[in-house]
N, C-alpha and C. Protein backbone atom coordinates (compact mmCIF):
# COMPACT_ATOMS: atom_id res chain seq x y z
N MET A 1 -3.50 -11.01 -5.35
CA MET A 1 -4.40 -10.36 -4.43
C MET A 1 -5.79 -10.33 -5.08
N LYS A 2 -6.79 -10.75 -4.35
CA LYS A 2 -8.15 -10.81 -4.86
C LYS A 2 -8.76 -9.42 -4.96
N LYS A 3 -9.76 -9.30 -5.82
CA LYS A 3 -10.39 -8.00 -6.02
C LYS A 3 -11.12 -7.49 -4.79
N ILE A 4 -11.62 -8.40 -3.95
CA ILE A 4 -12.30 -7.94 -2.72
C ILE A 4 -11.31 -7.32 -1.74
N ASN A 5 -10.02 -7.55 -1.95
CA ASN A 5 -8.98 -7.00 -1.08
C ASN A 5 -8.35 -5.74 -1.66
N ARG A 6 -8.99 -5.14 -2.66
CA ARG A 6 -8.46 -3.93 -3.28
C ARG A 6 -9.40 -2.75 -3.07
N VAL A 7 -8.82 -1.59 -2.85
CA VAL A 7 -9.58 -0.34 -2.87
C VAL A 7 -9.63 0.07 -4.33
N ARG A 8 -10.83 0.24 -4.88
CA ARG A 8 -10.94 0.51 -6.31
C ARG A 8 -11.61 1.83 -6.64
N LYS A 9 -12.41 2.37 -5.75
CA LYS A 9 -13.15 3.59 -6.06
C LYS A 9 -12.35 4.83 -5.70
N SER A 10 -12.42 5.81 -6.55
CA SER A 10 -11.70 7.07 -6.34
C SER A 10 -12.12 7.73 -5.03
N GLN A 11 -13.39 7.66 -4.71
CA GLN A 11 -13.90 8.26 -3.48
C GLN A 11 -13.27 7.60 -2.25
N GLU A 12 -13.09 6.28 -2.27
CA GLU A 12 -12.47 5.58 -1.15
C GLU A 12 -10.99 5.93 -1.04
N PHE A 13 -10.29 6.04 -2.19
CA PHE A 13 -8.91 6.47 -2.18
C PHE A 13 -8.79 7.83 -1.49
N ASN A 14 -9.63 8.78 -1.93
CA ASN A 14 -9.57 10.13 -1.38
C ASN A 14 -9.88 10.15 0.11
N GLN A 15 -10.86 9.37 0.53
CA GLN A 15 -11.22 9.34 1.95
C GLN A 15 -10.05 8.83 2.81
N ILE A 16 -9.41 7.76 2.37
CA ILE A 16 -8.30 7.21 3.15
C ILE A 16 -7.12 8.17 3.16
N ILE A 17 -6.84 8.80 2.03
CA ILE A 17 -5.69 9.71 1.95
C ILE A 17 -5.93 10.98 2.77
N HIS A 18 -7.14 11.54 2.69
CA HIS A 18 -7.39 12.82 3.36
C HIS A 18 -7.73 12.70 4.84
N THR A 19 -8.29 11.58 5.28
CA THR A 19 -8.66 11.47 6.69
C THR A 19 -7.79 10.48 7.46
N GLY A 20 -6.98 9.72 6.75
CA GLY A 20 -6.18 8.68 7.41
C GLY A 20 -4.84 9.18 7.91
N ARG A 21 -4.11 8.29 8.55
CA ARG A 21 -2.76 8.55 9.04
C ARG A 21 -1.76 8.20 7.96
N LYS A 22 -0.51 8.66 8.13
CA LYS A 22 0.48 8.49 7.08
C LYS A 22 1.82 8.04 7.66
N GLN A 23 2.46 7.10 6.98
CA GLN A 23 3.82 6.65 7.29
C GLN A 23 4.60 6.70 5.97
N THR A 24 5.88 7.06 6.03
CA THR A 24 6.67 7.14 4.81
C THR A 24 8.04 6.51 5.00
N ASN A 25 8.62 6.08 3.89
CA ASN A 25 10.04 5.74 3.81
C ASN A 25 10.49 6.03 2.38
N SER A 26 11.66 5.57 2.00
CA SER A 26 12.21 5.95 0.70
C SER A 26 11.51 5.26 -0.47
N SER A 27 10.80 4.17 -0.25
CA SER A 27 10.15 3.43 -1.33
C SER A 27 8.64 3.66 -1.41
N PHE A 28 7.99 3.93 -0.28
CA PHE A 28 6.53 3.99 -0.24
C PHE A 28 6.04 5.13 0.65
N VAL A 29 4.82 5.57 0.38
CA VAL A 29 4.03 6.38 1.30
C VAL A 29 2.81 5.53 1.60
N LEU A 30 2.50 5.34 2.88
CA LEU A 30 1.41 4.47 3.29
C LEU A 30 0.38 5.29 4.06
N TYR A 31 -0.85 5.34 3.55
CA TYR A 31 -1.97 5.95 4.26
C TYR A 31 -2.87 4.83 4.74
N TYR A 32 -3.45 5.00 5.94
CA TYR A 32 -4.28 3.92 6.47
C TYR A 32 -5.38 4.45 7.38
N LEU A 33 -6.46 3.70 7.40
CA LEU A 33 -7.61 3.93 8.27
C LEU A 33 -8.09 2.57 8.78
N PRO A 34 -8.82 2.53 9.89
CA PRO A 34 -9.40 1.24 10.31
C PRO A 34 -10.33 0.71 9.22
N LYS A 35 -10.32 -0.61 9.05
CA LYS A 35 -11.11 -1.21 7.96
C LYS A 35 -12.60 -1.08 8.23
N LYS A 36 -13.36 -0.99 7.15
CA LYS A 36 -14.81 -0.86 7.24
C LYS A 36 -15.51 -2.16 6.91
N GLU A 37 -14.86 -3.04 6.17
CA GLU A 37 -15.46 -4.30 5.76
C GLU A 37 -14.81 -5.44 6.53
N SER A 38 -15.22 -6.66 6.24
CA SER A 38 -14.71 -7.81 6.98
C SER A 38 -13.24 -8.09 6.67
N ALA A 39 -12.79 -7.77 5.47
CA ALA A 39 -11.40 -8.02 5.09
C ALA A 39 -10.70 -6.69 4.83
N ALA A 40 -9.43 -6.64 5.13
CA ALA A 40 -8.64 -5.44 4.86
C ALA A 40 -8.50 -5.25 3.36
N ARG A 41 -8.30 -3.99 2.93
CA ARG A 41 -8.17 -3.70 1.50
C ARG A 41 -6.93 -2.84 1.28
N VAL A 42 -6.36 -2.98 0.09
CA VAL A 42 -5.15 -2.24 -0.28
C VAL A 42 -5.38 -1.58 -1.63
N GLY A 43 -4.99 -0.31 -1.74
CA GLY A 43 -5.00 0.40 -3.01
C GLY A 43 -3.57 0.80 -3.34
N ILE A 44 -3.18 0.65 -4.60
CA ILE A 44 -1.80 0.95 -5.01
C ILE A 44 -1.85 2.00 -6.12
N THR A 45 -1.02 3.01 -5.99
CA THR A 45 -0.94 4.04 -7.01
C THR A 45 0.51 4.50 -7.13
N LEU A 46 0.84 5.07 -8.29
CA LEU A 46 2.17 5.62 -8.49
C LEU A 46 2.09 6.68 -9.57
N PRO A 47 3.03 7.63 -9.54
CA PRO A 47 2.99 8.73 -10.50
C PRO A 47 3.39 8.29 -11.91
N LYS A 48 2.89 9.01 -12.91
CA LYS A 48 3.22 8.70 -14.30
C LYS A 48 4.69 8.96 -14.61
N LYS A 49 5.35 9.77 -13.82
CA LYS A 49 6.75 10.09 -14.08
C LYS A 49 7.69 8.91 -13.83
N ILE A 50 7.21 7.88 -13.14
CA ILE A 50 8.06 6.72 -12.85
C ILE A 50 8.41 5.96 -14.12
N GLY A 51 7.53 5.92 -15.10
CA GLY A 51 7.85 5.22 -16.33
C GLY A 51 6.62 5.09 -17.21
N ASN A 52 6.78 4.35 -18.29
CA ASN A 52 5.64 4.14 -19.18
C ASN A 52 4.67 3.14 -18.54
N ALA A 53 3.57 2.87 -19.22
CA ALA A 53 2.52 2.03 -18.66
C ALA A 53 3.01 0.62 -18.34
N VAL A 54 3.88 0.09 -19.19
CA VAL A 54 4.39 -1.27 -18.97
C VAL A 54 5.18 -1.33 -17.67
N LYS A 55 6.04 -0.35 -17.45
CA LYS A 55 6.86 -0.32 -16.23
C LYS A 55 5.99 -0.11 -14.99
N ARG A 56 5.00 0.79 -15.09
CA ARG A 56 4.12 1.03 -13.94
C ARG A 56 3.32 -0.21 -13.59
N ASN A 57 2.83 -0.93 -14.60
CA ASN A 57 2.09 -2.17 -14.33
C ASN A 57 2.97 -3.23 -13.69
N LEU A 58 4.23 -3.32 -14.11
CA LEU A 58 5.17 -4.24 -13.49
C LEU A 58 5.35 -3.91 -12.01
N ILE A 59 5.52 -2.64 -11.72
CA ILE A 59 5.71 -2.20 -10.33
C ILE A 59 4.46 -2.50 -9.50
N LYS A 60 3.27 -2.27 -10.08
CA LYS A 60 2.03 -2.57 -9.36
C LYS A 60 1.90 -4.06 -9.08
N ARG A 61 2.25 -4.89 -10.06
CA ARG A 61 2.18 -6.35 -9.84
C ARG A 61 3.14 -6.77 -8.74
N GLN A 62 4.34 -6.22 -8.74
CA GLN A 62 5.31 -6.55 -7.69
C GLN A 62 4.80 -6.12 -6.33
N THR A 63 4.23 -4.93 -6.27
CA THR A 63 3.72 -4.42 -4.99
C THR A 63 2.54 -5.26 -4.51
N ARG A 64 1.67 -5.69 -5.41
CA ARG A 64 0.56 -6.57 -5.02
C ARG A 64 1.07 -7.88 -4.45
N MET A 65 2.11 -8.44 -5.06
CA MET A 65 2.68 -9.69 -4.55
C MET A 65 3.29 -9.49 -3.17
N MET A 66 3.95 -8.35 -2.96
CA MET A 66 4.50 -8.04 -1.63
C MET A 66 3.37 -7.99 -0.60
N CYS A 67 2.28 -7.31 -0.95
CA CYS A 67 1.14 -7.20 -0.03
C CYS A 67 0.54 -8.56 0.26
N GLN A 68 0.42 -9.38 -0.77
CA GLN A 68 -0.16 -10.71 -0.60
C GLN A 68 0.70 -11.55 0.34
N ASP A 69 2.02 -11.40 0.27
CA ASP A 69 2.92 -12.15 1.14
C ASP A 69 2.92 -11.63 2.57
N LEU A 70 2.76 -10.31 2.73
CA LEU A 70 2.95 -9.70 4.05
C LEU A 70 1.67 -9.52 4.85
N ILE A 71 0.52 -9.44 4.18
CA ILE A 71 -0.72 -9.10 4.87
C ILE A 71 -1.65 -10.31 4.92
N ASP A 72 -2.16 -10.59 6.12
CA ASP A 72 -3.26 -11.54 6.27
C ASP A 72 -4.54 -10.70 6.27
N PHE A 73 -5.27 -10.70 5.17
CA PHE A 73 -6.37 -9.77 4.97
C PHE A 73 -7.52 -9.98 5.95
N LYS A 74 -7.65 -11.15 6.52
CA LYS A 74 -8.73 -11.40 7.49
C LYS A 74 -8.44 -10.73 8.84
N THR A 75 -7.17 -10.74 9.26
CA THR A 75 -6.85 -10.24 10.60
C THR A 75 -6.23 -8.84 10.60
N PHE A 76 -5.73 -8.37 9.46
CA PHE A 76 -5.15 -7.03 9.40
C PHE A 76 -6.27 -6.02 9.62
N GLU A 77 -6.02 -5.00 10.42
CA GLU A 77 -7.09 -4.12 10.90
C GLU A 77 -7.26 -2.84 10.10
N LYS A 78 -6.52 -2.64 9.03
CA LYS A 78 -6.53 -1.36 8.34
C LYS A 78 -6.86 -1.50 6.85
N ASP A 79 -7.45 -0.45 6.30
CA ASP A 79 -7.51 -0.26 4.85
C ASP A 79 -6.32 0.63 4.50
N VAL A 80 -5.60 0.28 3.45
CA VAL A 80 -4.31 0.90 3.17
C VAL A 80 -4.27 1.43 1.74
N ILE A 81 -3.66 2.60 1.56
CA ILE A 81 -3.31 3.12 0.24
C ILE A 81 -1.79 3.22 0.19
N LEU A 82 -1.19 2.61 -0.81
CA LEU A 82 0.26 2.65 -1.01
C LEU A 82 0.57 3.53 -2.21
N ILE A 83 1.42 4.51 -2.02
CA ILE A 83 1.92 5.31 -3.13
C ILE A 83 3.38 4.95 -3.30
N VAL A 84 3.74 4.50 -4.49
CA VAL A 84 5.11 4.08 -4.77
C VAL A 84 5.93 5.32 -5.08
N ARG A 85 7.11 5.42 -4.47
CA ARG A 85 8.01 6.55 -4.69
C ARG A 85 9.13 6.18 -5.66
N PHE A 86 9.87 7.19 -6.10
CA PHE A 86 10.97 6.97 -7.04
C PHE A 86 12.07 6.08 -6.46
N GLY A 87 12.24 6.07 -5.14
CA GLY A 87 13.25 5.23 -4.50
C GLY A 87 13.02 3.75 -4.73
N PHE A 88 11.80 3.37 -5.10
CA PHE A 88 11.47 1.97 -5.39
C PHE A 88 12.35 1.44 -6.52
N LEU A 89 12.63 2.27 -7.50
CA LEU A 89 13.38 1.85 -8.68
C LEU A 89 14.84 1.55 -8.37
N ASN A 90 15.39 2.18 -7.34
CA ASN A 90 16.81 2.03 -7.01
C ASN A 90 17.09 0.85 -6.09
N ARG A 91 16.06 0.15 -5.66
CA ARG A 91 16.24 -0.95 -4.72
C ARG A 91 15.78 -2.27 -5.31
N SER A 92 16.27 -3.34 -4.72
CA SER A 92 15.87 -4.68 -5.16
C SER A 92 14.48 -5.00 -4.61
N TYR A 93 13.90 -6.06 -5.14
CA TYR A 93 12.58 -6.52 -4.70
C TYR A 93 12.59 -6.80 -3.20
N GLU A 94 13.63 -7.48 -2.73
CA GLU A 94 13.71 -7.84 -1.30
C GLU A 94 13.82 -6.60 -0.41
N ASP A 95 14.61 -5.61 -0.82
CA ASP A 95 14.73 -4.38 -0.04
C ASP A 95 13.39 -3.64 0.02
N ASN A 96 12.71 -3.57 -1.12
CA ASN A 96 11.41 -2.92 -1.15
C ASN A 96 10.40 -3.66 -0.28
N LYS A 97 10.47 -4.97 -0.29
CA LYS A 97 9.57 -5.77 0.55
C LYS A 97 9.83 -5.51 2.02
N LYS A 98 11.10 -5.40 2.41
CA LYS A 98 11.43 -5.09 3.81
C LYS A 98 10.94 -3.70 4.19
N ASN A 99 11.09 -2.73 3.27
CA ASN A 99 10.59 -1.38 3.54
C ASN A 99 9.07 -1.38 3.75
N LEU A 100 8.37 -2.13 2.91
CA LEU A 100 6.92 -2.22 3.06
C LEU A 100 6.54 -2.90 4.36
N GLU A 101 7.26 -3.94 4.72
CA GLU A 101 6.97 -4.64 5.97
C GLU A 101 7.15 -3.72 7.17
N LYS A 102 8.18 -2.89 7.16
CA LYS A 102 8.41 -1.94 8.26
C LYS A 102 7.25 -0.96 8.37
N LEU A 103 6.78 -0.46 7.23
CA LEU A 103 5.65 0.47 7.27
C LEU A 103 4.38 -0.19 7.80
N LEU A 104 4.14 -1.42 7.38
CA LEU A 104 2.94 -2.12 7.85
C LEU A 104 3.00 -2.38 9.35
N VAL A 105 4.18 -2.70 9.86
CA VAL A 105 4.34 -2.90 11.30
C VAL A 105 4.08 -1.60 12.05
N LYS A 106 4.62 -0.49 11.54
CA LYS A 106 4.39 0.81 12.17
C LYS A 106 2.90 1.15 12.19
N SER A 107 2.22 0.84 11.09
CA SER A 107 0.79 1.18 11.03
C SER A 107 -0.04 0.34 12.00
N THR A 108 0.35 -0.91 12.24
CA THR A 108 -0.41 -1.73 13.17
C THR A 108 -0.16 -1.33 14.61
N MET A 109 1.00 -0.73 14.88
CA MET A 109 1.29 -0.29 16.25
C MET A 109 0.59 1.03 16.58
N ASP A 110 0.14 1.76 15.57
CA ASP A 110 -0.52 3.04 15.78
C ASP A 110 -1.98 2.81 16.19
N LYS A 111 -2.28 3.10 17.42
CA LYS A 111 -3.65 2.89 17.95
C LYS A 111 -4.39 4.21 18.12
N SER A 112 -3.87 5.31 17.53
CA SER A 112 -4.46 6.63 17.76
C SER A 112 -5.75 6.87 16.98
N ILE A 113 -6.05 6.06 15.97
CA ILE A 113 -7.28 6.27 15.22
C ILE A 113 -8.36 5.34 15.70
């Protein structure tokens, strides 16, 4: 995933989390708002309790690859923040990818914002 497709500033994270809509499942919490720039952006975060830095970085890389496979950043209409939950560890990569795909579909069907 390219850097232009990432939410990187703390202020933008807070804005999307506090003013955006929310969808959840056992692996992820997804916050989203309509995109402000030409391409959609994704921010990924997870709690320190999930593991040490090496494990958290592995999970972030896997989640970025899932996003890269599932999202067409030019046509996707939302800026997204993904929070990884503890349930992520108990599932395979494919199951987590399906869970993420379901959340993204739900977010695109939500026209209330």
